PDB file of N, CA and C in Angstrom:
ATOM      1  N   MET A   1      19.292 -26.696   6.524  1.00  0.00           N
ATOM      2  CA  MET A   1      18.055 -26.123   6.280  1.00  0.00           C
ATOM      3  C   MET A   1      17.630 -25.415   6.711  1.00  0.00           C
ATOM      4  N   ALA A   2      17.035 -24.257   6.653  1.00  0.00           N
ATOM      5  CA  ALA A   2      16.769 -23.011   7.140  1.00  0.00           C
ATOM      6  C   ALA A   2      14.862 -23.446   7.535  1.00  0.00           C
ATOM      7  N   LYS A   3      14.872 -23.274   8.514  1.00  0.00           N
ATOM      8  CA  LYS A   3      13.197 -22.872   8.197  1.00  0.00           C
ATOM      9  C   LYS A   3      11.882 -21.481   8.000  1.00  0.00           C
ATOM     10  N   LYS A   4      11.359 -21.906   7.261  1.00  0.00           N
ATOM     11  CA  LYS A   4      10.465 -20.898   6.532  1.00  0.00           C
ATOM     12  C   LYS A   4       9.534 -20.109   7.710  1.00  0.00           C
ATOM     13  N   THR A   5       9.003 -18.782   8.064  1.00  0.00           N
ATOM     14  CA  THR A   5       7.979 -18.582   8.300  1.00  0.00           C
ATOM     15  C   THR A   5       7.018 -17.875   7.878  1.00  0.00           C
ATOM     16  N   LYS A   6       5.838 -18.545   7.945  1.00  0.00           N
ATOM     17  CA  LYS A   6       4.602 -17.953   7.681  1.00  0.00           C
ATOM     18  C   LYS A   6       4.781 -16.531   7.731  1.00  0.00           C
ATOM     19  N   ASP A   7       4.282 -15.644   8.718  1.00  0.00           N
ATOM     20  CA  ASP A   7       4.437 -15.173   9.665  1.00  0.00           C
ATOM     21  C   ASP A   7       5.443 -13.249   9.534  1.00  0.00           C
ATOM     22  N   ALA A   8       6.619 -14.408   8.339  1.00  0.00           N
ATOM     23  CA  ALA A   8       7.074 -12.669   8.283  1.00  0.00           C
ATOM     24  C   ALA A   8       7.115 -12.032   7.319  1.00  0.00           C
ATOM     25  N   ARG A   9       5.734 -12.418   6.028  1.00  0.00           N
ATOM     26  CA  ARG A   9       5.634 -11.506   5.585  1.00  0.00           C
ATOM     27  C   ARG A   9       3.758 -11.743   5.557  1.00  0.00           C
ATOM     28  N   ILE A  10       3.426 -10.012   5.686  1.00  0.00           N
ATOM     29  CA  ILE A  10       1.609  -9.844   5.782  1.00  0.00           C
ATOM     30  C   ILE A  10       1.643  -9.049   4.702  1.00  0.00           C
ATOM     31  N   GLN A  11       0.004  -9.153   4.749  1.00  0.00           N
ATOM     32  CA  GLN A  11      -0.612  -7.749   3.821  1.00  0.00           C
ATOM     33  C   GLN A  11      -0.970  -6.924   4.435  1.00  0.00           C
ATOM     34  N   VAL A  12      -1.060  -5.939   3.339  1.00  0.00           N
ATOM     35  CA  VAL A  12      -0.884  -4.764   3.804  1.00  0.00           C
ATOM     36  C   VAL A  12      -1.750  -3.638   2.733  1.00  0.00           C
ATOM     37  N   ILE A  13      -2.882  -2.548   3.478  1.00  0.00           N
ATOM     38  CA  ILE A  13      -3.456  -2.035   2.302  1.00  0.00           C
ATOM     39  C   ILE A  13      -2.687  -0.642   1.483  1.00  0.00           C
ATOM     40  N   LEU A  14      -2.283   0.169   0.856  1.00  0.00           N
ATOM     41  CA  LEU A  14      -2.034   0.738   0.678  1.00  0.00           C
ATOM     42  C   LEU A  14      -2.998   2.091  -0.212  1.00  0.00           C
ATOM     43  N   GLU A  15      -3.103   3.461   0.011  1.00  0.00           N
ATOM     44  CA  GLU A  15      -4.433   3.803  -0.625  1.00  0.00           C
ATOM     45  C   GLU A  15      -3.750   5.140  -0.950  1.00  0.00           C
ATOM     46  N   CYS A  16      -4.819   5.904  -1.862  1.00  0.00           N
ATOM     47  CA  CYS A  16      -3.686   6.943  -2.345  1.00  0.00           C
ATOM     48  C   CYS A  16      -4.517   8.381  -1.540  1.00  0.00           C
ATOM     49  N   THR A  17      -3.153   8.772  -1.540  1.00  0.00           N
ATOM     50  CA  THR A  17      -3.257   9.995  -0.642  1.00  0.00           C
ATOM     51  C   THR A  17      -3.794  10.994  -1.446  1.00  0.00           C
ATOM     52  N   GLU A  18      -3.360  11.187  -2.696  1.00  0.00           N
ATOM     53  CA  GLU A  18      -4.009  12.871  -3.264  1.00  0.00           C
ATOM     54  C   GLU A  18      -5.730  12.601  -3.588  1.00  0.00           C
ATOM     55  N   HIS A  19      -5.962  11.317  -4.068  1.00  0.00           N
ATOM     56  CA  HIS A  19      -7.418  11.192  -4.045  1.00  0.00           C
ATOM     57  C   HIS A  19      -8.039  11.869  -2.630  1.00  0.00           C
ATOM     58  N   LYS A  20      -7.710  10.725  -1.513  1.00  0.00           N
ATOM     59  CA  LYS A  20      -8.841  11.192  -0.500  1.00  0.00           C
ATOM     60  C   LYS A  20      -8.167  12.590   0.112  1.00  0.00           C
ATOM     61  N   ALA A  21      -7.601  13.769  -0.438  1.00  0.00           N
ATOM     62  CA  ALA A  21      -7.603  14.853  -0.107  1.00  0.00           C
ATOM     63  C   ALA A  21      -8.798  15.664  -1.396  1.00  0.00           C
ATOM     64  N   SER A  22      -8.637  15.406  -2.045  1.00  0.00           N
ATOM     65  CA  SER A  22      -9.290  15.602  -3.290  1.00  0.00           C
ATOM     66  C   SER A  22     -11.094  15.953  -2.859  1.00  0.00           C
ATOM     67  N   GLY A  23     -11.285  14.811  -2.460  1.00  0.00           N
ATOM     68  CA  GLY A  23     -12.524  14.726  -2.045  1.00  0.00           C
ATOM     69  C   GLY A  23     -13.596  14.473  -3.386  1.00  0.00           C
ATOM     70  N   MET A  24     -13.240  13.707  -3.870  1.00  0.00           N
ATOM     71  CA  MET A  24     -13.975  13.080  -4.763  1.00  0.00           C
ATOM     72  C   MET A  24     -14.522  11.590  -4.879  1.00  0.00           C
ATOM     73  N   PRO A  25     -15.318  11.113  -4.863  1.00  0.00           N
ATOM     74  CA  PRO A  25     -16.231   9.799  -4.531  1.00  0.00           C
ATOM     75  C   PRO A  25     -15.112   8.902  -4.981  1.00  0.00           C
ATOM     76  N   GLY A  26     -15.228   7.787  -3.745  1.00  0.00           N
ATOM     77  CA  GLY A  26     -14.533   6.394  -4.282  1.00  0.00           C
ATOM     78  C   GLY A  26     -13.152   6.581  -3.898  1.00  0.00           C
ATOM     79  N   THR A  27     -12.248   5.210  -3.754  1.00  0.00           N
ATOM     80  CA  THR A  27     -11.112   5.521  -3.235  1.00  0.00           C
ATOM     81  C   THR A  27     -10.544   4.200  -4.648  1.00  0.00           C
ATOM     82  N   SER A  28      -9.121   4.989  -4.515  1.00  0.00           N
ATOM     83  CA  SER A  28      -7.976   3.972  -5.144  1.00  0.00           C
ATOM     84  C   SER A  28      -7.533   3.484  -3.737  1.00  0.00           C
ATOM     85  N   ARG A  29      -7.574   1.636  -3.815  1.00  0.00           N
ATOM     86  CA  ARG A  29      -6.150   0.915  -3.336  1.00  0.00           C
ATOM     87  C   ARG A  29      -6.178  -0.114  -4.016  1.00  0.00           C
ATOM     88  N   TYR A  30      -4.386  -0.629  -2.898  1.00  0.00           N
ATOM     89  CA  TYR A  30      -4.019  -2.098  -3.510  1.00  0.00           C
ATOM     90  C   TYR A  30      -3.949  -2.950  -2.524  1.00  0.00           C
ATOM     91  N   VAL A  31      -3.495  -3.994  -3.159  1.00  0.00           N
ATOM     92  CA  VAL A  31      -3.312  -4.606  -1.880  1.00  0.00           C
ATOM     93  C   VAL A  31      -1.972  -5.303  -2.227  1.00  0.00           C
ATOM     94  N   THR A  32      -1.171  -5.428  -1.092  1.00  0.00           N
ATOM     95  CA  THR A  32      -0.066  -5.811  -1.723  1.00  0.00           C
ATOM     96  C   THR A  32       0.820  -6.783  -0.215  1.00  0.00           C
ATOM     97  N   THR A  33       2.174  -7.300  -0.243  1.00  0.00           N
ATOM     98  CA  THR A  33       2.599  -7.923   1.147  1.00  0.00           C
ATOM     99  C   THR A  33       3.645  -7.431   1.300  1.00  0.00           C
ATOM    100  N   LYS A  34       4.210  -7.451   2.179  1.00  0.00           N
ATOM    101  CA  LYS A  34       5.656  -6.674   2.778  1.00  0.00           C
ATOM    102  C   LYS A  34       6.041  -7.286   3.823  1.00  0.00           C
ATOM    103  N   SER A  35       7.626  -7.644   4.331  1.00  0.00           N
ATOM    104  CA  SER A  35       8.056  -7.906   4.952  1.00  0.00           C
ATOM    105  C   SER A  35       8.386  -7.377   6.584  1.00  0.00           C
ATOM    106  N   LYS A  36       7.949  -7.674   7.504  1.00  0.00           N
ATOM    107  CA  LYS A  36       7.468  -6.996   8.606  1.00  0.00           C
ATOM    108  C   LYS A  36       9.209  -6.741   9.020  1.00  0.00           C
ATOM    109  N   LYS A  37      10.100  -8.168   9.064  1.00  0.00           N
ATOM    110  CA  LYS A  37      11.588  -7.796   9.360  1.00  0.00           C
ATOM    111  C   LYS A  37      12.342  -6.689   8.104  1.00  0.00           C
ATOM    112  N   ASN A  38      12.260  -6.951   7.183  1.00  0.00           N
ATOM    113  CA  ASN A  38      13.091  -6.038   6.584  1.00  0.00           C
ATOM    114  C   ASN A  38      12.562  -4.510   6.055  1.00  0.00           C
ATOM    115  N   THR A  39      11.402  -4.345   6.336  1.00  0.00           N
ATOM    116  CA  THR A  39      10.181  -2.912   6.344  1.00  0.00           C
ATOM    117  C   THR A  39       9.731  -2.393   7.141  1.00  0.00           C
ATOM    118  N   PRO A  40       9.824  -2.464   8.519  1.00  0.00           N
ATOM    119  CA  PRO A  40       8.991  -2.105   9.792  1.00  0.00           C
ATOM    120  C   PRO A  40       7.897  -0.859   9.319  1.00  0.00           C
ATOM    121  N   ASP A  41       8.663  -0.219   9.310  1.00  0.00           N
ATOM    122  CA  ASP A  41       8.205   0.720   8.697  1.00  0.00           C
ATOM    123  C   ASP A  41       6.843   0.888   7.489  1.00  0.00           C
ATOM    124  N   ARG A  42       6.150   2.282   7.853  1.00  0.00           N
ATOM    125  CA  ARG A  42       4.783   1.990   6.894  1.00  0.00           C
ATOM    126  C   ARG A  42       5.482   2.110   5.709  1.00  0.00           C
ATOM    127  N   LEU A  43       4.837   1.620   4.571  1.00  0.00           N
ATOM    128  CA  LEU A  43       4.841   1.333   2.940  1.00  0.00           C
ATOM    129  C   LEU A  43       4.356   2.018   2.301  1.00  0.00           C
ATOM    130  N   GLU A  44       5.093   2.851   1.019  1.00  0.00           N
ATOM    131  CA  GLU A  44       4.911   4.124   0.645  1.00  0.00           C
ATOM    132  C   GLU A  44       5.104   4.042  -0.929  1.00  0.00           C
ATOM    133  N   LEU A  45       4.177   4.064  -1.683  1.00  0.00           N
ATOM    134  CA  LEU A  45       4.803   3.325  -3.055  1.00  0.00           C
ATOM    135  C   LEU A  45       4.006   4.073  -4.338  1.00  0.00           C
ATOM    136  N   LYS A  46       4.712   4.605  -5.326  1.00  0.00           N
ATOM    137  CA  LYS A  46       4.056   4.893  -6.378  1.00  0.00           C
ATOM    138  C   LYS A  46       3.308   4.159  -7.903  1.00  0.00           C
ATOM    139  N   LYS A  47       1.685   4.218  -7.626  1.00  0.00           N
ATOM    140  CA  LYS A  47       0.976   3.357  -8.263  1.00  0.00           C
ATOM    141  C   LYS A  47       0.092   4.171  -9.051  1.00  0.00           C
ATOM    142  N   TYR A  48      -0.741   3.587 -10.070  1.00  0.00           N
ATOM    143  CA  TYR A  48      -1.679   4.152 -10.632  1.00  0.00           C
ATOM    144  C   TYR A  48      -2.865   4.080 -10.716  1.00  0.00           C
ATOM    145  N   ASN A  49      -3.355   6.061 -10.549  1.00  0.00           N
ATOM    146  CA  ASN A  49      -5.318   6.031  -9.416  1.00  0.00           C
ATOM    147  C   ASN A  49      -6.040   5.896 -10.660  1.00  0.00           C
ATOM    148  N   SER A  50      -6.490   5.033 -11.021  1.00  0.00           N
ATOM    149  CA  SER A  50      -8.013   5.736 -12.447  1.00  0.00           C
ATOM    150  C   SER A  50      -8.270   5.950 -12.102  1.00  0.00           C
ATOM    151  N   ILE A  51      -9.013   6.530 -11.522  1.00  0.00           N
ATOM    152  CA  ILE A  51      -9.510   8.060 -10.989  1.00  0.00           C
ATOM    153  C   ILE A  51      -9.263   9.060 -11.341  1.00  0.00           C
ATOM    154  N   LEU A  52      -7.862   9.243 -11.189  1.00  0.00           N
ATOM    155  CA  LEU A  52      -7.365  10.447 -11.211  1.00  0.00           C
ATOM    156  C   LEU A  52      -6.471  10.316 -12.676  1.00  0.00           C
ATOM    157  N   LYS A  53      -6.466   9.178 -12.958  1.00  0.00           N
ATOM    158  CA  LYS A  53      -6.030   9.144 -14.729  1.00  0.00           C
ATOM    159  C   LYS A  53      -4.133   9.392 -14.329  1.00  0.00           C
ATOM    160  N   LYS A  54      -3.825   8.901 -13.573  1.00  0.00           N
ATOM    161  CA  LYS A  54      -2.314   9.653 -13.215  1.00  0.00           C
ATOM    162  C   LYS A  54      -1.411   8.549 -11.866  1.00  0.00           C
ATOM    163  N   VAL A  55      -0.311   8.550 -12.434  1.00  0.00           N
ATOM    164  CA  VAL A  55       0.551   8.028 -10.958  1.00  0.00           C
ATOM    165  C   VAL A  55       0.544   8.553  -9.731  1.00  0.00           C
ATOM    166  N   THR A  56       0.204   8.105  -8.412  1.00  0.00           N
ATOM    167  CA  THR A  56      -0.012   8.922  -7.794  1.00  0.00           C
ATOM    168  C   THR A  56       0.946   8.141  -6.336  1.00  0.00           C
ATOM    169  N   VAL A  57       1.198   8.700  -5.288  1.00  0.00           N
ATOM    170  CA  VAL A  57       1.674   8.111  -3.893  1.00  0.00           C
ATOM    171  C   VAL A  57       0.379   7.661  -3.084  1.00  0.00           C
ATOM    172  N   HIS A  58       0.996   6.050  -3.199  1.00  0.00           N
ATOM    173  CA  HIS A  58      -0.084   5.479  -1.832  1.00  0.00           C
ATOM    174  C   HIS A  58       0.761   4.882  -0.719  1.00  0.00           C
ATOM    175  N   LYS A  59      -0.048   5.144   0.017  1.00  0.00           N
ATOM    176  CA  LYS A  59       1.157   4.658   2.088  1.00  0.00           C
ATOM    177  C   LYS A  59      -0.490   3.220   1.947  1.00  0.00           C
ATOM    178  N   GLU A  60       0.984   3.172   2.707  1.00  0.00           N
ATOM    179  CA  GLU A  60      -0.050   1.754   3.831  1.00  0.00           C
ATOM    180  C   GLU A  60      -1.389   2.236   4.826  1.00  0.00           C
ATOM    181  N   ILE A  61      -2.110   1.877   5.425  1.00  0.00           N
ATOM    182  CA  ILE A  61      -3.467   2.023   6.145  1.00  0.00           C
ATOM    183  C   ILE A  61      -3.126   1.387   7.511  1.00  0.00           C
ATOM    184  N   LYS A  62      -3.788   1.577   8.305  1.00  0.00           N
ATOM    185  CA  LYS A  62      -4.145   0.509   9.230  1.00  0.00           C
ATOM    186  C   LYS A  62      -2.474  -0.266   9.577  1.00  0.00           C
TER     187      LYS A  62
END
């Protein structure tokens, strides 16, 4: 039986790139998990931004 390690998945914060550049107040952020082993690079997903009311690219911060 294989051992499961808890430290393989970490929590990351995704922040909207378009909203940050527009200068509007507020931020659009999502919290999700990712596998450090399968995706060592920064995560980039299309998510809905409720302030801009459209789907935008969200990138991993920190």
